[in-house]
Structure formats: C-alpha cells, structure tokens
Amino acid sequence: DQAVQVRGGDEFRSLAATFNVMQRNIAEREARISHDAHHDALTGLPNRARAQMHLDELLRASPPPPVALILLEVANFGEINASLGHHVGDEALREAARRLRHNCGAHDLTARLGAAQFLVLARDCSLERATLLAEQLVGTLRAGFSLLSVSLDLHVNAGICCAPDHGDTAEDLLRHVHTALEDAGEARGRIASYRPGRETELQRRLALAGDLRGGIE
C-alpha cells in the first residue's frame, strides 16, 4: 500500500518507479479478482457469496438490526430463453437487476443468487414492511417490460423471511426464504412469508412421493 521512496542516482529512482508501477498493477489485479469473486458478471450485482457475507455481518452486529430477506424469481425465465433466445433472456435479467436496484433503499443489498433469482436484504425492516416492499418489487418487475421490441410478461414469485423471527444465522435464513419461495408459487398473490416448520411438511411430501413410486413398482 505504500509507494517505494528512494534517494540516490537515476538508476535507483528508475528502479523505484518500476516497483511502484508493479505495485499498482498488482493492487488493481487483486481488486478485480476480489470484485469478480463476489459479483455476478451479467448483472454486476453481488452474488450469493457476497450476499451471505453481508448477511453474516448484519447478524453479528451488536445489537443485530431487524433484517428482511426477499427472494424473487422469474418463474417463466426458461420459457423466455427457449422462445426468444438467450440474448433476450440476458437483457431481461439486466433490466430486472436495474429495476430492483433503483427501487430498494440505499442501505439495502440486492444480489443475484441463481439463473433467475434475486435476493434483497432490507435492513431495519419488519415483516409487514417487507410484504409491502415485496409487492412493490414484484409490480416493478412485471410493469411495462419491453425489450428489443418484444413485450414480456414476467411471472414473478417472492418469498419472505425475517431475522430474528425466522432465524439468527445466514444459513438458516437463506434456507427459510427459499422455502417461502416454494410456497409463493401456490399462493394467490404469488408472495408468501416463511411458516415455521414448513420444511418438515416439504420433507414429508418428498418422502411420500418416493414411497408412492416404490409402492407402484
């Protein structure tokens, strides 16, 4: 971090200048590597690793602030790619990322977790406010979505969970918000909050499906 300062003849000053240029190049390279490791290349948003690190930091604060997790998914993203091409799908994801970023608070973090999944971490946010925010974000993604002269109808679902009500570790909260997203596909408004114990029901459903297949055979 500190430039090399050398007094002496021209050769020494030239050597010091060379070292300083190398130092700057290494620092820039390390910064790019760090950025690429924690950001999505397509949208420029933080990725899953960065989102989990940020959530860990919030939960380790003393006292930890209330945090809401809102997980949004474009359910028909596969259909868009299949029917219109990946270039349209990529543009749709970039535009979705831009809209989410512009409609969240300055202290909120918006990340891309999967192919068509976006996570919003809203600090100092209650479950009631998180529900209103989720409704706003879903509406923002669905309204007037037109790309490359093509009008798109995005089918957006959203799952919600909050800390500390629904967990106090990043791993638990991320698992719970995915569970809520599973329920959102069946919810009337396409938005669902986490229900404690829901994982047990889903595990039982999966086990029952497996048992049924075995029973039929």
Protein backbone atom coordinates (compact mmCIF):
# COMPACT_ATOMS: atom_id res chain seq x y z
CA ASP A 1 0.00 0.00 0.00
CA GLN A 2 2.98 2.33 0.38
CA ALA A 3 4.98 3.64 -2.55
CA VAL A 4 8.72 2.94 -2.59
CA GLN A 5 10.70 6.11 -1.87
CA VAL A 6 14.35 6.01 -2.94
CA ARG A 7 17.01 8.67 -2.83
CA GLY A 8 20.06 8.36 -4.98
CA GLY A 9 21.09 8.20 -8.57
CA ASP A 10 18.92 7.88 -11.64
CA GLU A 11 19.20 4.10 -11.64
CA PHE A 12 17.76 3.82 -8.13
CA ARG A 13 14.95 6.26 -8.90
CA SER A 14 14.13 4.33 -12.08
CA LEU A 15 14.08 1.07 -10.13
CA ALA A 16 11.78 2.59 -7.50
CA ALA A 17 9.42 3.85 -10.22
CA THR A 18 9.33 0.36 -11.74
CA PHE A 19 8.50 -1.19 -8.36
CA ASN A 20 5.72 1.35 -7.83
CA VAL A 21 4.17 0.59 -11.23
CA MET A 22 4.30 -3.15 -10.45
CA GLN A 23 2.73 -2.47 -7.07
CA ARG A 24 -0.18 -0.53 -8.61
CA ASN A 25 -0.74 -3.22 -11.23
CA ILE A 26 -0.84 -5.96 -8.58
CA ALA A 27 -3.25 -3.93 -6.43
CA GLU A 28 -5.56 -3.34 -9.41
CA ARG A 29 -5.43 -7.03 -10.34
CA GLU A 30 -6.24 -8.11 -6.78
CA ALA A 31 -9.14 -5.64 -6.67
CA ARG A 32 -10.54 -7.07 -9.92
CA ILE A 33 -10.18 -10.64 -8.66
CA SER A 34 -11.94 -9.75 -5.39
CA HIS A 35 -14.73 -7.95 -7.25
CA ASP A 36 -15.25 -10.79 -9.72
CA ALA A 37 -15.34 -13.34 -6.89
CA HIS A 38 -18.23 -11.53 -5.20
CA HIS A 39 -20.23 -10.14 -8.14
CA ASP A 40 -22.33 -11.55 -10.94
CA ALA A 41 -20.74 -10.99 -14.35
CA LEU A 42 -24.02 -10.49 -16.22
CA THR A 43 -25.83 -8.00 -13.98
CA GLY A 44 -23.00 -6.56 -11.89
CA LEU A 45 -24.95 -7.35 -8.72
CA PRO A 46 -23.37 -9.01 -5.69
CA ASN A 47 -23.55 -12.81 -5.91
CA ARG A 48 -24.62 -15.44 -3.37
CA ALA A 49 -21.24 -15.45 -1.59
CA ARG A 50 -21.28 -11.66 -1.11
CA ALA A 51 -24.92 -11.68 -0.01
CA GLN A 52 -24.19 -14.32 2.63
CA MET A 53 -21.15 -12.36 3.85
CA HIS A 54 -23.25 -9.19 4.12
CA LEU A 55 -26.00 -11.04 5.98
CA ASP A 56 -23.42 -12.52 8.37
CA GLU A 57 -22.08 -9.02 9.05
CA LEU A 58 -25.57 -7.71 9.86
CA LEU A 59 -26.31 -10.63 12.18
CA ARG A 60 -23.00 -10.19 14.04
CA ALA A 61 -23.74 -6.53 14.83
CA SER A 62 -24.42 -5.65 18.47
CA PRO A 63 -27.34 -5.49 18.69
CA PRO A 64 -28.25 -7.05 15.34
CA PRO A 65 -30.83 -4.98 13.42
CA PRO A 66 -34.05 -6.50 12.12
CA VAL A 67 -33.38 -7.79 8.60
CA ALA A 68 -35.85 -8.90 5.96
CA LEU A 69 -34.92 -11.28 3.15
CA ILE A 70 -36.99 -11.07 -0.03
CA LEU A 71 -36.23 -13.72 -2.65
CA LEU A 72 -37.72 -13.03 -6.08
CA GLU A 73 -37.80 -15.46 -9.00
CA VAL A 74 -38.83 -15.02 -12.63
CA ALA A 75 -40.73 -18.30 -12.94
CA ASN A 76 -41.04 -18.23 -16.73
CA PHE A 77 -37.42 -17.32 -17.45
CA GLY A 78 -36.80 -20.70 -19.09
CA GLU A 79 -39.69 -20.10 -21.47
CA ILE A 80 -38.29 -16.68 -22.42
CA ASN A 81 -34.89 -18.20 -23.22
CA ALA A 82 -36.44 -21.06 -25.18
CA SER A 83 -38.83 -18.95 -27.25
CA LEU A 84 -36.93 -15.67 -27.72
CA GLY A 85 -33.29 -16.65 -27.26
CA HIS A 86 -30.68 -16.21 -24.56
CA HIS A 87 -29.82 -12.68 -25.70
CA VAL A 88 -33.35 -11.56 -24.78
CA GLY A 89 -33.17 -13.50 -21.51
CA ASP A 90 -29.87 -11.83 -20.62
CA GLU A 91 -31.28 -8.37 -21.37
CA ALA A 92 -34.33 -9.18 -19.25
CA LEU A 93 -32.09 -10.11 -16.31
CA ARG A 94 -30.06 -6.91 -16.67
CA GLU A 95 -33.22 -4.82 -16.74
CA ALA A 96 -34.68 -6.71 -13.77
CA ALA A 97 -31.47 -6.07 -11.82
CA ARG A 98 -31.59 -2.37 -12.68
CA ARG A 99 -35.23 -2.04 -11.57
CA LEU A 100 -34.64 -3.85 -8.30
CA ARG A 101 -31.57 -1.75 -7.52
CA HIS A 102 -33.44 1.51 -8.18
CA ASN A 103 -36.48 0.52 -6.11
CA CYS A 104 -34.63 -0.60 -2.98
CA GLY A 105 -33.26 1.58 -0.19
CA ALA A 106 -29.75 2.97 -0.22
CA HIS A 107 -28.72 0.61 2.60
CA ASP A 108 -30.42 -2.46 1.12
CA LEU A 109 -28.40 -5.07 -0.75
CA THR A 110 -29.68 -6.57 -4.00
CA ALA A 111 -27.96 -9.75 -5.20
CA ARG A 112 -28.39 -12.35 -7.92
CA LEU A 113 -28.49 -15.84 -6.42
CA GLY A 114 -29.38 -18.08 -9.34
CA ALA A 115 -30.31 -18.08 -13.01
CA ALA A 116 -33.47 -16.03 -12.42
CA GLN A 117 -33.40 -15.45 -8.65
CA PHE A 118 -32.71 -12.13 -6.95
CA LEU A 119 -32.32 -11.54 -3.21
CA VAL A 120 -33.00 -8.26 -1.43
CA LEU A 121 -31.61 -7.79 2.10
CA ALA A 122 -33.52 -4.93 3.72
CA ARG A 123 -32.10 -3.62 6.98
CA ASP A 124 -34.39 -2.36 9.79
CA CYS A 125 -37.36 -3.91 8.02
CA SER A 126 -40.33 -5.58 9.71
CA LEU A 127 -42.36 -8.42 8.19
CA GLU A 128 -45.21 -6.02 7.42
CA ARG A 129 -42.93 -3.59 5.59
CA ALA A 130 -41.17 -6.46 3.84
CA THR A 131 -44.50 -7.67 2.47
CA LEU A 132 -45.27 -4.21 1.09
CA LEU A 133 -41.77 -3.97 -0.39
CA ALA A 134 -42.13 -7.41 -1.99
CA GLU A 135 -45.44 -6.36 -3.58
CA GLN A 136 -43.80 -3.20 -4.91
CA LEU A 137 -40.81 -5.10 -6.34
CA VAL A 138 -42.99 -7.75 -7.99
CA GLY A 139 -45.08 -4.99 -9.56
CA THR A 140 -41.94 -3.19 -10.71
CA LEU A 141 -40.65 -6.29 -12.49
CA ARG A 142 -43.97 -7.00 -14.20
CA ALA A 143 -44.89 -3.48 -15.33
CA GLY A 144 -44.15 -2.37 -18.89
CA PHE A 145 -41.40 -4.89 -19.56
CA SER A 146 -40.46 -4.40 -23.20
CA LEU A 147 -37.07 -5.35 -24.66
CA LEU A 148 -35.83 -5.37 -28.24
CA SER A 149 -39.35 -4.54 -29.47
CA VAL A 150 -40.72 -7.53 -27.57
CA SER A 151 -43.28 -7.13 -24.78
CA LEU A 152 -42.58 -9.60 -21.97
CA ASP A 153 -44.96 -10.85 -19.32
CA LEU A 154 -42.77 -11.87 -16.39
CA HIS A 155 -44.25 -14.32 -13.91
CA VAL A 156 -42.63 -13.25 -10.64
CA ASN A 157 -42.88 -15.03 -7.29
CA ALA A 158 -41.48 -13.76 -3.98
CA GLY A 159 -40.66 -15.44 -0.69
CA ILE A 160 -40.07 -13.53 2.55
CA CYS A 161 -38.45 -14.27 5.89
CA CYS A 162 -37.15 -12.04 8.66
CA ALA A 163 -34.48 -12.06 11.34
CA PRO A 164 -34.66 -12.62 14.22
CA ASP A 165 -38.21 -14.04 13.97
CA HIS A 166 -37.35 -16.76 11.45
CA GLY A 167 -33.72 -17.48 12.32
CA ASP A 168 -30.49 -15.96 13.55
CA THR A 169 -27.92 -17.42 11.14
CA ALA A 170 -27.38 -16.67 7.47
CA GLU A 171 -27.61 -20.34 6.54
CA ASP A 172 -30.98 -20.81 8.26
CA LEU A 173 -32.44 -17.59 6.88
CA LEU A 174 -31.40 -18.37 3.30
CA ARG A 175 -32.90 -21.83 3.59
CA HIS A 176 -36.13 -20.43 5.04
CA VAL A 177 -36.54 -17.78 2.35
CA HIS A 178 -36.17 -20.49 -0.31
CA THR A 179 -38.89 -22.46 1.48
CA ALA A 180 -41.13 -19.40 1.40
CA LEU A 181 -40.45 -19.02 -2.33
CA GLU A 182 -41.63 -22.59 -2.87
CA ASP A 183 -44.92 -21.68 -1.21
CA ALA A 184 -45.21 -18.45 -3.23
CA GLY A 185 -45.81 -20.43 -6.43
CA GLU A 186 -49.00 -21.81 -4.87
CA ALA A 187 -50.06 -18.56 -3.15
CA ARG A 188 -52.84 -16.48 -4.66
CA GLY A 189 -50.78 -13.30 -4.78
CA ARG A 190 -47.51 -15.06 -5.71
CA ILE A 191 -45.97 -13.79 -2.46
CA ALA A 192 -45.54 -15.91 0.66
CA SER A 193 -43.92 -15.48 4.07
CA TYR A 194 -42.00 -18.24 5.79
CA ARG A 195 -44.03 -20.50 8.05
CA PRO A 196 -42.03 -22.19 10.83
CA GLY A 197 -41.98 -25.96 10.43
CA ARG A 198 -42.72 -25.77 6.73
CA GLU A 199 -39.53 -27.68 5.86
CA THR A 200 -40.87 -30.72 7.75
CA GLU A 201 -44.01 -30.68 5.61
CA LEU A 202 -41.96 -30.43 2.40
CA GLN A 203 -39.65 -33.25 3.51
CA ARG A 204 -42.68 -35.41 4.30
CA ARG A 205 -44.16 -34.64 0.86
CA LEU A 206 -40.91 -35.64 -0.87
CA ALA A 207 -40.67 -38.82 1.19
CA LEU A 208 -44.31 -39.66 0.41
CA ALA A 209 -43.74 -39.15 -3.33
CA GLY A 210 -40.76 -41.50 -3.19
CA ASP A 211 -42.74 -44.10 -1.24
CA LEU A 212 -45.60 -43.86 -3.76
CA ARG A 213 -43.25 -44.52 -6.68
CA GLY A 214 -41.82 -47.51 -4.86
CA GLY A 215 -45.30 -48.76 -3.96
CA ILE A 216 -46.50 -48.56 -7.57
CA GLU A 217 -43.49 -50.53 -8.76
